Structure formats: C-alpha cells, structure tokens
C-alpha atoms as a PDB file:
ATOM      1  CA  MET A   1      -6.694   7.276 -12.551  1.00  0.00           C
ATOM      2  CA  ALA A   2      -4.817   4.880 -14.768  1.00  0.00           C
ATOM      3  CA  GLU A   3      -1.444   6.093 -15.937  1.00  0.00           C
ATOM      4  CA  HIS A   4      -1.663   5.046 -19.581  1.00  0.00           C
ATOM      5  CA  ASP A   5      -5.297   4.895 -20.709  1.00  0.00           C
ATOM      6  CA  ASN A   6      -6.703   7.779 -18.599  1.00  0.00           C
ATOM      7  CA  THR A   7      -9.423   5.552 -17.183  1.00  0.00           C
ATOM      8  CA  VAL A   8     -11.039   6.179 -13.841  1.00  0.00           C
ATOM      9  CA  GLU A   9     -12.617   3.068 -12.332  1.00  0.00           C
ATOM     10  CA  LEU A  10     -14.994   3.681  -9.471  1.00  0.00           C
ATOM     11  CA  ALA A  11     -16.551   0.998  -7.313  1.00  0.00           C
ATOM     12  CA  SER A  12     -19.497   0.907  -4.914  1.00  0.00           C
ATOM     13  CA  VAL A  13     -20.526   4.565  -4.750  1.00  0.00           C
ATOM     14  CA  ASN A  14     -22.620   5.186  -1.616  1.00  0.00           C
ATOM     15  CA  GLU A  15     -26.030   3.586  -1.946  1.00  0.00           C
ATOM     16  CA  THR A  16     -27.619   6.263   0.211  1.00  0.00           C
ATOM     17  CA  GLU A  17     -27.226   9.689  -1.346  1.00  0.00           C
ATOM     18  CA  SER A  18     -27.580  12.725   0.888  1.00  0.00           C
ATOM     19  CA  GLN A  19     -30.874  14.498   0.378  1.00  0.00           C
ATOM     20  CA  PHE A  20     -29.081  17.841   0.567  1.00  0.00           C
ATOM     21  CA  HIS A  21     -27.754  18.834  -2.839  1.00  0.00           C
ATOM     22  CA  ASP A  22     -27.938  22.609  -2.934  1.00  0.00           C
ATOM     23  CA  SER A  23     -29.659  23.584  -6.209  1.00  0.00           C
ATOM     24  CA  HIS A  24     -30.175  19.873  -6.925  1.00  0.00           C
ATOM     25  CA  SER A  25     -32.363  19.473  -3.820  1.00  0.00           C
ATOM     26  CA  THR A  26     -35.946  20.360  -3.003  1.00  0.00           C
ATOM     27  CA  VAL A  27     -34.998  20.969   0.635  1.00  0.00           C
ATOM     28  CA  SER A  28     -34.713  24.589   1.730  1.00  0.00           C
ATOM     29  CA  PHE A  29     -32.526  25.869   4.553  1.00  0.00           C
ATOM     30  CA  ALA A  30     -32.309  29.128   6.428  1.00  0.00           C
ATOM     31  CA  PRO A  31     -28.964  30.905   5.780  1.00  0.00           C
ATOM     32  CA  GLU A  32     -27.721  30.225   9.319  1.00  0.00           C
ATOM     33  CA  GLN A  33     -28.234  26.473   8.776  1.00  0.00           C
ATOM     34  CA  VAL A  34     -25.969  26.264   5.732  1.00  0.00           C
ATOM     35  CA  PRO A  35     -22.379  25.379   6.753  1.00  0.00           C
ATOM     36  CA  ILE A  36     -20.645  26.938   3.714  1.00  0.00           C
ATOM     37  CA  ARG A  37     -21.930  29.111   0.896  1.00  0.00           C
ATOM     38  CA  PHE A  38     -19.807  30.548  -1.908  1.00  0.00           C
ATOM     39  CA  ASP A  39     -21.602  33.477  -3.526  1.00  0.00           C
ATOM     40  CA  GLU A  40     -19.974  34.855  -6.708  1.00  0.00           C
ATOM     41  CA  THR A  41     -16.633  34.360  -4.965  1.00  0.00           C
ATOM     42  CA  TRP A  42     -13.417  35.568  -6.595  1.00  0.00           C
ATOM     43  CA  PHE A  43      -9.914  35.645  -5.199  1.00  0.00           C
ATOM     44  CA  SER A  44      -6.771  36.867  -6.954  1.00  0.00           C
ATOM     45  CA  TYR A  45      -3.072  36.768  -6.163  1.00  0.00           C
ATOM     46  CA  ASN A  46      -1.355  39.774  -7.759  1.00  0.00           C
ATOM     47  CA  SER A  47      -4.285  40.306 -10.158  1.00  0.00           C
ATOM     48  CA  GLU A  48      -4.246  36.645 -11.293  1.00  0.00           C
ATOM     49  CA  ALA A  49      -7.468  34.821 -10.395  1.00  0.00           C
ATOM     50  CA  ALA A  50      -6.944  31.744  -8.226  1.00  0.00           C
ATOM     51  CA  VAL A  51     -10.682  31.074  -8.005  1.00  0.00           C
ATOM     52  CA  ARG A  52     -13.246  32.742 -10.208  1.00  0.00           C
ATOM     53  CA  ASP A  53     -17.008  33.242  -9.829  1.00  0.00           C
ATOM     54  CA  ILE A  54     -17.586  30.329  -7.458  1.00  0.00           C
ATOM     55  CA  ASN A  55     -21.246  29.659  -6.647  1.00  0.00           C
ATOM     56  CA  PHE A  56     -22.313  26.649  -4.613  1.00  0.00           C
ATOM     57  CA  SER A  57     -23.321  25.634  -1.106  1.00  0.00           C
ATOM     58  CA  ILE A  58     -22.427  22.773   1.187  1.00  0.00           C
ATOM     59  CA  THR A  59     -25.577  21.960   3.105  1.00  0.00           C
ATOM     60  CA  PRO A  60     -26.227  20.195   6.441  1.00  0.00           C
ATOM     61  CA  GLY A  61     -25.301  16.513   6.544  1.00  0.00           C
ATOM     62  CA  GLU A  62     -23.407  16.436   3.261  1.00  0.00           C
ATOM     63  CA  PHE A  63     -20.140  14.657   2.682  1.00  0.00           C
ATOM     64  CA  ALA A  64     -18.720  16.982   0.042  1.00  0.00           C
ATOM     65  CA  ALA A  65     -15.518  16.267  -1.867  1.00  0.00           C
ATOM     66  CA  ILE A  66     -13.529  19.074  -3.489  1.00  0.00           C
ATOM     67  CA  LEU A  67     -11.517  17.748  -6.445  1.00  0.00           C
ATOM     68  CA  GLY A  68      -9.025  19.368  -8.772  1.00  0.00           C
ATOM     69  CA  PRO A  69      -5.483  19.124 -10.123  1.00  0.00           C
ATOM     70  CA  ASN A  70      -2.527  20.784  -8.395  1.00  0.00           C
ATOM     71  CA  GLY A  71      -2.788  24.576  -8.571  1.00  0.00           C
ATOM     72  CA  SER A  72      -6.500  24.463  -9.341  1.00  0.00           C
ATOM     73  CA  GLY A  73      -7.578  26.624  -6.394  1.00  0.00           C
ATOM     74  CA  LYS A  74      -8.709  23.911  -3.939  1.00  0.00           C
ATOM     75  CA  THR A  75      -6.571  25.175  -1.073  1.00  0.00           C
ATOM     76  CA  THR A  76      -7.484  28.802  -1.787  1.00  0.00           C
ATOM     77  CA  LEU A  77     -11.148  27.830  -1.677  1.00  0.00           C
ATOM     78  CA  MET A  78     -10.738  26.232   1.748  1.00  0.00           C
ATOM     79  CA  LYS A  79      -8.740  29.214   3.079  1.00  0.00           C
ATOM     80  CA  LEU A  80     -11.606  31.437   1.986  1.00  0.00           C
ATOM     81  CA  ALA A  81     -14.100  29.153   3.721  1.00  0.00           C
ATOM     82  CA  LEU A  82     -12.071  29.209   6.941  1.00  0.00           C
ATOM     83  CA  GLY A  83     -11.702  32.997   6.953  1.00  0.00           C
ATOM     84  CA  LEU A  84      -7.951  32.843   6.342  1.00  0.00           C
ATOM     85  CA  LEU A  85      -8.417  34.816   3.126  1.00  0.00           C
ATOM     86  CA  LYS A  86     -10.965  37.490   2.273  1.00  0.00           C
ATOM     87  CA  PRO A  87     -12.581  37.326  -1.185  1.00  0.00           C
ATOM     88  CA  THR A  88     -11.418  39.850  -3.750  1.00  0.00           C
ATOM     89  CA  SER A  89     -15.100  40.074  -4.647  1.00  0.00           C
ATOM     90  CA  GLY A  90     -18.246  38.190  -3.760  1.00  0.00           C
ATOM     91  CA  ARG A  91     -18.547  36.522  -0.375  1.00  0.00           C
ATOM     92  CA  VAL A  92     -18.157  33.294   1.561  1.00  0.00           C
ATOM     93  CA  LEU A  93     -20.611  32.552   4.360  1.00  0.00           C
ATOM     94  CA  LEU A  94     -20.133  30.189   7.306  1.00  0.00           C
ATOM     95  CA  PHE A  95     -23.506  29.424   8.855  1.00  0.00           C
ATOM     96  CA  GLY A  96     -24.841  32.644   7.345  1.00  0.00           C
ATOM     97  CA  VAL A  97     -21.957  34.863   8.527  1.00  0.00           C
ATOM     98  CA  PRO A  98     -19.145  36.195   6.273  1.00  0.00           C
ATOM     99  CA  SER A  99     -16.204  33.898   6.976  1.00  0.00           C
ATOM    100  CA  ASP A 100     -13.816  36.758   7.817  1.00  0.00           C
ATOM    101  CA  ARG A 101     -16.243  37.894  10.561  1.00  0.00           C
ATOM    102  CA  PHE A 102     -17.236  34.455  11.814  1.00  0.00           C
ATOM    103  CA  THR A 103     -16.600  33.902  15.539  1.00  0.00           C
ATOM    104  CA  ASP A 104     -18.279  30.603  16.488  1.00  0.00           C
ATOM    105  CA  TRP A 105     -15.208  28.530  15.617  1.00  0.00           C
ATOM    106  CA  TYR A 106     -16.204  25.741  18.026  1.00  0.00           C
ATOM    107  CA  ARG A 107     -18.666  24.768  15.267  1.00  0.00           C
ATOM    108  CA  VAL A 108     -15.870  24.174  12.746  1.00  0.00           C
ATOM    109  CA  GLY A 109     -13.171  21.510  12.921  1.00  0.00           C
ATOM    110  CA  TYR A 110     -10.143  21.655  10.626  1.00  0.00           C
ATOM    111  CA  VAL A 111      -7.710  18.842   9.848  1.00  0.00           C
ATOM    112  CA  PRO A 112      -4.639  19.888   7.835  1.00  0.00           C
ATOM    113  CA  GLN A 113      -2.308  17.603   5.927  1.00  0.00           C
ATOM    114  CA  ARG A 114       0.485  18.128   8.386  1.00  0.00           C
ATOM    115  CA  THR A 115       1.201  20.166  11.507  1.00  0.00           C
ATOM    116  CA  GLN A 116       4.112  20.629  13.875  1.00  0.00           C
ATOM    117  CA  ALA A 117       2.394  18.110  16.129  1.00  0.00           C
ATOM    118  CA  THR A 118       3.415  15.364  13.731  1.00  0.00           C
ATOM    119  CA  GLU A 119       7.091  16.297  13.643  1.00  0.00           C
ATOM    120  CA  SER A 120       9.285  13.439  14.861  1.00  0.00           C
ATOM    121  CA  ARG A 121      10.875  15.482  17.656  1.00  0.00           C
ATOM    122  CA  PHE A 122       7.606  16.791  19.083  1.00  0.00           C
ATOM    123  CA  PRO A 123       7.566  15.348  22.643  1.00  0.00           C
ATOM    124  CA  ALA A 124       3.808  15.291  23.294  1.00  0.00           C
ATOM    125  CA  SER A 125       1.549  12.293  23.793  1.00  0.00           C
ATOM    126  CA  VAL A 126      -1.615  11.654  21.795  1.00  0.00           C
ATOM    127  CA  ARG A 127      -3.770  12.720  24.734  1.00  0.00           C
ATOM    128  CA  GLU A 128      -1.871  15.994  25.083  1.00  0.00           C
ATOM    129  CA  VAL A 129      -2.269  16.837  21.392  1.00  0.00           C
ATOM    130  CA  VAL A 130      -5.982  15.994  21.416  1.00  0.00           C
ATOM    131  CA  SER A 131      -6.383  18.114  24.564  1.00  0.00           C
ATOM    132  CA  PHE A 132      -5.261  21.161  22.572  1.00  0.00           C
ATOM    133  CA  GLY A 133      -8.721  21.011  20.996  1.00  0.00           C
ATOM    134  CA  THR A 134     -10.305  22.101  24.273  1.00  0.00           C
ATOM    135  CA  TYR A 135      -8.457  25.416  24.295  1.00  0.00           C
ATOM    136  CA  SER A 136     -10.597  28.444  23.459  1.00  0.00           C
ATOM    137  CA  GLY A 137      -8.648  31.260  25.076  1.00  0.00           C
ATOM    138  CA  PHE A 138      -8.137  32.236  28.713  1.00  0.00           C
ATOM    139  CA  ASP A 139     -10.921  30.980  30.963  1.00  0.00           C
ATOM    140  CA  PRO A 140     -10.785  31.810  34.703  1.00  0.00           C
ATOM    141  CA  PHE A 141     -13.249  28.980  35.362  1.00  0.00           C
ATOM    142  CA  ALA A 142     -11.222  26.342  33.487  1.00  0.00           C
ATOM    143  CA  ILE A 143     -10.313  24.524  36.708  1.00  0.00           C
ATOM    144  CA  PHE A 144     -14.014  23.809  37.340  1.00  0.00           C
ATOM    145  CA  LYS A 145     -14.426  22.420  33.829  1.00  0.00           C
ATOM    146  CA  SER A 146     -11.377  20.149  33.772  1.00  0.00           C
ATOM    147  CA  LYS A 147     -13.311  16.925  34.426  1.00  0.00           C
ATOM    148  CA  LYS A 148     -15.768  17.689  31.631  1.00  0.00           C
ATOM    149  CA  SER A 149     -12.908  18.589  29.280  1.00  0.00           C
ATOM    150  CA  ALA A 150     -11.107  15.330  30.064  1.00  0.00           C
ATOM    151  CA  GLN A 151     -14.249  13.380  29.225  1.00  0.00           C
ATOM    152  CA  ARG A 152     -14.584  15.232  25.913  1.00  0.00           C
ATOM    153  CA  VAL A 153     -10.980  14.347  25.082  1.00  0.00           C
ATOM    154  CA  ASP A 154     -11.633  10.675  25.858  1.00  0.00           C
ATOM    155  CA  ASP A 155     -14.828  10.707  23.781  1.00  0.00           C
ATOM    156  CA  ALA A 156     -13.061  12.352  20.828  1.00  0.00           C
ATOM    157  CA  MET A 157     -10.225   9.806  20.945  1.00  0.00           C
ATOM    158  CA  GLU A 158     -12.800   7.007  21.036  1.00  0.00           C
ATOM    159  CA  LEU A 159     -14.631   8.420  18.002  1.00  0.00           C
ATOM    160  CA  ALA A 160     -11.370   8.708  16.061  1.00  0.00           C
ATOM    161  CA  GLY A 161     -10.172   5.257  17.077  1.00  0.00           C
ATOM    162  CA  VAL A 162      -7.054   6.407  18.957  1.00  0.00           C
ATOM    163  CA  ARG A 163      -8.064   6.017  22.614  1.00  0.00           C
ATOM    164  CA  LYS A 164      -5.788   2.977  23.015  1.00  0.00           C
ATOM    165  CA  LEU A 165      -2.929   5.178  21.791  1.00  0.00           C
ATOM    166  CA  ALA A 166      -3.593   7.961  24.328  1.00  0.00           C
ATOM    167  CA  ASP A 167      -0.249   7.645  26.121  1.00  0.00           C
ATOM    168  CA  ARG A 168       1.847   6.992  23.027  1.00  0.00           C
ATOM    169  CA  ARG A 169       4.284   9.635  21.849  1.00  0.00           C
ATOM    170  CA  VAL A 170       3.249  11.282  18.586  1.00  0.00           C
ATOM    171  CA  SER A 171       6.536  10.365  16.891  1.00  0.00           C
ATOM    172  CA  ASP A 172       5.815   6.662  17.501  1.00  0.00           C
ATOM    173  CA  LEU A 173       2.613   6.748  15.434  1.00  0.00           C
ATOM    174  CA  SER A 174       2.093   5.849  11.806  1.00  0.00           C
ATOM    175  CA  ILE A 175       0.937   8.597   9.441  1.00  0.00           C
ATOM    176  CA  GLY A 176      -2.590   7.190   9.520  1.00  0.00           C
ATOM    177  CA  GLN A 177      -2.634   7.174  13.316  1.00  0.00           C
ATOM    178  CA  GLN A 178      -1.348  10.745  13.373  1.00  0.00           C
ATOM    179  CA  GLN A 179      -4.176  11.838  11.077  1.00  0.00           C
ATOM    180  CA  ARG A 180      -6.776  10.144  13.275  1.00  0.00           C
ATOM    181  CA  MET A 181      -5.204  11.921  16.262  1.00  0.00           C
ATOM    182  CA  LEU A 182      -5.617  15.279  14.508  1.00  0.00           C
ATOM    183  CA  ILE A 183      -9.229  14.421  13.725  1.00  0.00           C
ATOM    184  CA  ALA A 184      -9.776  13.579  17.406  1.00  0.00           C
ATOM    185  CA  ARG A 185      -8.363  17.000  18.292  1.00  0.00           C
ATOM    186  CA  SER A 186     -10.841  18.652  15.929  1.00  0.00           C
ATOM    187  CA  LEU A 187     -13.751  16.646  17.404  1.00  0.00           C
ATOM    188  CA  VAL A 188     -13.261  17.639  21.050  1.00  0.00           C
ATOM    189  CA  ARG A 189     -15.776  20.466  20.790  1.00  0.00           C
ATOM    190  CA  ARG A 190     -18.143  18.409  18.610  1.00  0.00           C
ATOM    191  CA  PRO A 191     -18.178  20.640  15.521  1.00  0.00           C
ATOM    192  CA  ASP A 192     -21.063  20.818  13.076  1.00  0.00           C
ATOM    193  CA  LEU A 193     -18.609  21.082  10.164  1.00  0.00           C
ATOM    194  CA  LEU A 194     -15.348  19.199   9.624  1.00  0.00           C
ATOM    195  CA  VAL A 195     -12.972  20.456   6.902  1.00  0.00           C
ATOM    196  CA  MET A 196     -10.062  18.236   5.837  1.00  0.00           C
ATOM    197  CA  ASP A 197      -7.227  19.049   3.436  1.00  0.00           C
ATOM    198  CA  GLU A 198      -5.802  15.933   1.715  1.00  0.00           C
ATOM    199  CA  PRO A 199      -6.245  13.907   4.909  1.00  0.00           C
ATOM    200  CA  VAL A 200      -5.094  10.542   3.495  1.00  0.00           C
ATOM    201  CA  ALA A 201      -1.901  11.773   1.834  1.00  0.00           C
ATOM    202  CA  GLY A 202       0.875   9.309   2.657  1.00  0.00           C
ATOM    203  CA  ILE A 203      -1.418   6.803   4.397  1.00  0.00           C
ATOM    204  CA  ASP A 204      -1.151   3.143   3.353  1.00  0.00           C
ATOM    205  CA  ALA A 205      -4.143   1.164   2.034  1.00  0.00           C
ATOM    206  CA  ALA A 206      -5.068  -0.376   5.408  1.00  0.00           C
ATOM    207  CA  GLY A 207      -4.839   2.980   7.169  1.00  0.00           C
ATOM    208  CA  GLU A 208      -6.886   4.627   4.436  1.00  0.00           C
ATOM    209  CA  GLU A 209      -9.710   2.111   4.874  1.00  0.00           C
ATOM    210  CA  GLN A 210      -9.730   2.713   8.646  1.00  0.00           C
ATOM    211  CA  PHE A 211      -9.772   6.443   8.013  1.00  0.00           C
ATOM    212  CA  HIS A 212     -12.733   6.305   5.620  1.00  0.00           C
ATOM    213  CA  SER A 213     -14.654   3.997   7.956  1.00  0.00           C
ATOM    214  CA  MET A 214     -14.236   6.522  10.753  1.00  0.00           C
ATOM    215  CA  ILE A 215     -15.280   9.483   8.574  1.00  0.00           C
ATOM    216  CA  ARG A 216     -18.314   7.519   7.406  1.00  0.00           C
ATOM    217  CA  ARG A 217     -19.407   7.119  11.037  1.00  0.00           C
ATOM    218  CA  LEU A 218     -18.920  10.800  11.802  1.00  0.00           C
ATOM    219  CA  ASN A 219     -21.006  11.795   8.806  1.00  0.00           C
ATOM    220  CA  ARG A 220     -23.785   9.209   8.911  1.00  0.00           C
ATOM    221  CA  ASP A 221     -24.113   8.495  12.624  1.00  0.00           C
ATOM    222  CA  LEU A 222     -23.283  11.889  14.146  1.00  0.00           C
ATOM    223  CA  GLY A 223     -24.535  14.051  11.271  1.00  0.00           C
ATOM    224  CA  ILE A 224     -21.329  16.076  10.987  1.00  0.00           C
ATOM    225  CA  THR A 225     -21.042  17.861   7.652  1.00  0.00           C
ATOM    226  CA  ILE A 226     -17.787  16.776   5.994  1.00  0.00           C
ATOM    227  CA  VAL A 227     -15.739  18.716   3.430  1.00  0.00           C
ATOM    228  CA  MET A 228     -12.720  16.846   2.086  1.00  0.00           C
ATOM    229  CA  VAL A 229     -10.186  18.341  -0.320  1.00  0.00           C
ATOM    230  CA  SER A 230      -8.581  15.587  -2.365  1.00  0.00           C
ATOM    231  CA  HIS A 231      -7.060  14.574  -5.688  1.00  0.00           C
ATOM    232  CA  ASP A 232      -8.003  10.887  -5.276  1.00  0.00           C
ATOM    233  CA  ILE A 233     -11.076  10.560  -7.477  1.00  0.00           C
ATOM    234  CA  GLY A 234     -11.852   6.924  -6.746  1.00  0.00           C
ATOM    235  CA  ALA A 235     -11.629   7.184  -2.960  1.00  0.00           C
ATOM    236  CA  VAL A 236     -13.777  10.280  -2.516  1.00  0.00           C
ATOM    237  CA  MET A 237     -16.423   9.053  -4.947  1.00  0.00           C
ATOM    238  CA  ARG A 238     -16.854   5.879  -2.932  1.00  0.00           C
ATOM    239  CA  GLU A 239     -17.569   7.942   0.175  1.00  0.00           C
ATOM    240  CA  ALA A 240     -18.864  11.408  -0.753  1.00  0.00           C
ATOM    241  CA  THR A 241     -22.480  12.347  -1.410  1.00  0.00           C
ATOM    242  CA  THR A 242     -21.724  15.457  -3.472  1.00  0.00           C
ATOM    243  CA  ILE A 243     -18.693  16.631  -5.364  1.00  0.00           C
ATOM    244  CA  ALA A 244     -17.324  19.966  -6.545  1.00  0.00           C
ATOM    245  CA  CYS A 245     -14.654  19.934  -9.262  1.00  0.00           C
ATOM    246  CA  ILE A 246     -12.601  23.115  -9.459  1.00  0.00           C
ATOM    247  CA  ASN A 247      -9.972  24.354 -11.855  1.00  0.00           C
ATOM    248  CA  THR A 248     -10.092  28.088 -11.078  1.00  0.00           C
ATOM    249  CA  ASP A 249     -13.750  27.918 -12.172  1.00  0.00           C
ATOM    250  CA  ILE A 250     -16.264  25.326 -11.012  1.00  0.00           C
ATOM    251  CA  VAL A 251     -16.254  22.590 -13.644  1.00  0.00           C
ATOM    252  CA  PHE A 252     -18.909  20.480 -11.948  1.00  0.00           C
ATOM    253  CA  HIS A 253     -20.985  20.509  -8.777  1.00  0.00           C
ATOM    254  CA  GLY A 254     -23.644  17.968  -7.935  1.00  0.00           C
ATOM    255  CA  PRO A 255     -24.411  14.450  -6.731  1.00  0.00           C
ATOM    256  CA  VAL A 256     -21.567  11.986  -7.151  1.00  0.00           C
ATOM    257  CA  HIS A 257     -23.452   9.716  -9.543  1.00  0.00           C
ATOM    258  CA  GLN A 258     -23.838  12.597 -12.034  1.00  0.00           C
ATOM    259  CA  LEU A 259     -20.096  13.113 -12.455  1.00  0.00           C
ATOM    260  CA  ASP A 260     -19.144  11.829 -15.886  1.00  0.00           C
ATOM    261  CA  ALA A 261     -16.203  11.598 -18.268  1.00  0.00           C
ATOM    262  CA  GLN A 262     -16.960  14.987 -19.847  1.00  0.00           C
ATOM    263  CA  ALA A 263     -16.725  16.786 -16.488  1.00  0.00           C
ATOM    264  CA  LEU A 264     -13.514  14.967 -15.538  1.00  0.00           C
ATOM    265  CA  SER A 265     -11.964  15.688 -18.927  1.00  0.00           C
ATOM    266  CA  GLY A 266     -12.792  19.374 -18.475  1.00  0.00           C
ATOM    267  CA  LEU A 267     -11.270  19.264 -15.003  1.00  0.00           C
ATOM    268  CA  TYR A 268      -7.954  17.666 -15.945  1.00  0.00           C
ATOM    269  CA  GLY A 269      -7.618  18.934 -19.508  1.00  0.00           C
ATOM    270  CA  PHE A 270      -7.352  15.571 -21.273  1.00  0.00           C
ATOM    271  CA  PRO A 271      -9.793  12.769 -22.223  1.00  0.00           C
ATOM    272  CA  VAL A 272     -10.866  10.546 -19.329  1.00  0.00           C
ATOM    273  CA  ASP A 273     -12.985   7.394 -19.422  1.00  0.00           C
ATOM    274  CA  VAL A 274     -15.088   6.476 -16.406  1.00  0.00           C
ATOM    275  CA  LEU A 275     -16.066   3.007 -15.235  1.00  0.00           C
ATOM    276  CA  MET A 276     -18.845   3.022 -12.649  1.00  0.00           C
ATOM    277  CA  HIS A 277     -19.848  -0.037 -10.624  1.00  0.00           C
ATOM    278  CA  ASP A 278     -23.090   0.563  -8.799  1.00  0.00           C
ATOM    279  CA  PRO A 279     -26.829   0.138  -9.563  1.00  0.00           C
ATOM    280  CA  GLU A 280     -27.204   3.686 -10.923  1.00  0.00           C
ATOM    281  CA  HIS A 281     -24.460   3.400 -13.544  1.00  0.00           C
ATOM    282  CA  THR A 282     -23.441   1.693 -16.686  1.00  0.00           C
ATOM    283  CA  HIS A 283     -19.998   1.845 -18.235  1.00  0.00           C
ATOM    284  CA  ARG A 284     -19.593   5.223 -19.940  1.00  0.00           C
END
C-alpha cells in the first residue's frame, strides 16, 4: 500500500483459482470435511465486540488469507478457530466439531509469529525443535515408534527447506529460516489444515519469496488447506485463492480477483485505489 496516494498495486494473482469458495462455489461438502466454519460468531472483551456476526467457511484445499488493520479482530478470529477462545455467541467448527471441544489436533498445524524457540539464548538445534512436533502426550510405546518419528521429522524438514540446517542452533538462523523451522515442526504430523499468524513479519524479500514458494507447494502439491493472517495485501493476493477482510465485521469474503477498491476502502477506512495485473483484471 503506497504511503502517499493510497494505491495498492497487485501483480500476477494466481492463475489457478481454487474451486472451493464457500457460498461462491457449486461444490458441496459434508460438515466434517470443512476445516473451519464460522457460524454467526460473536466474541466480546468486557462487553465490547472484537468480532461480530462472522459467517464464512474455509473449505478443503483453499489458501485463505485473513486481512485487516491492527485491532480489527484477526487474532481473535484465529484464537476462536483454534479453540483458545469460546464464542460469546454463535459457534466455530473445526472439521464439523465445535472448536472448544475439538480433540483431533494432529489434523491442525499452527505457526505463530514468534515463540520461545526463536529466542537467542534457546540452546536447541533445528532438529530438536522440529521433533517437538511429534509429541502428543505420554506414550508407553514411543520407543517402538522412534524410527518412524525420526523419518517424519526428516520429511518435515525437507518439505520446509531446512533439512540442511538440522544441526544448526536456532539462534544462528535468520528470521526466515526460523519461520521455516516452525512450519516444519507443524508439518511433522502431516496436518490437513495449517494456520499461520503473520508468518513473514520481519523476513527480508529473499526469505519471503522462499517462504511463499514453500507454502505454494504445501497447498498445491500436498493439498493442505492454508489459512494465513496478514496485513500485507499485495503478498497474500499473489498467493491466496480466497480472502476474508475483517474489521470487527466481515467487510469482504470471496475469490481474490473479486476484491476491489470499495472493499479495501471499507476495510481500512480511507479511499484506496487498486491496480491489478493479471488476465482477469483491468485497472480500477
């Protein structure tokens, strides 16, 4: 977003749109197939609504971006989806189950902006941090599964592009490498859904391109449903298939190519021009 003329310039939006667009799609899914569904969802802090009457679904195979300004409710929405908060009213379903009662967490991977694992004094190696993703509580048969777990760790590091860094100390990594390490940790159990909160914050341009290339593979080649919370309009619109804009209420939800200046202006509260560069768009 340009600083002076409030222009958003977007290049090369994905040529292949996902066929799954919730109410915009003709494809129907059973409730247990739908990774996330918000159904008249409200949540309030001290009687002040943080999110209000949210209604949309994220369906199998989507790469969904959640956009909004600071304080718009993006993080609250993700906490609701992950069962960390319970709706004040309405409901949030994970694969057809209310998120606060969901138990199949191996199906969901979560990548935060920052964890203690990325602190400079944390003495673990990349392999050790990624191995944390295999933990699912006490298992008396764990010793018989160690070889299989080690292979899953290696596979996850390979997918995230950090296998060559396996023996490096976390504090020696760049921010981008640390984020890919955290993604590897979330991939160990091969989730169906991967939720990321501002995953490219602080990453340089080269690291960001590597990151998006990796996420593209996970989504298109492995079919993992991706949900990415972000404030970077240009980046997510180059990669995502659908987009949800939130500012307490849902301002827009639909295919990326339908997002226009009016929706963005409503989201950010001031006029925004949009420049699109792909076959489906003209300058508007």
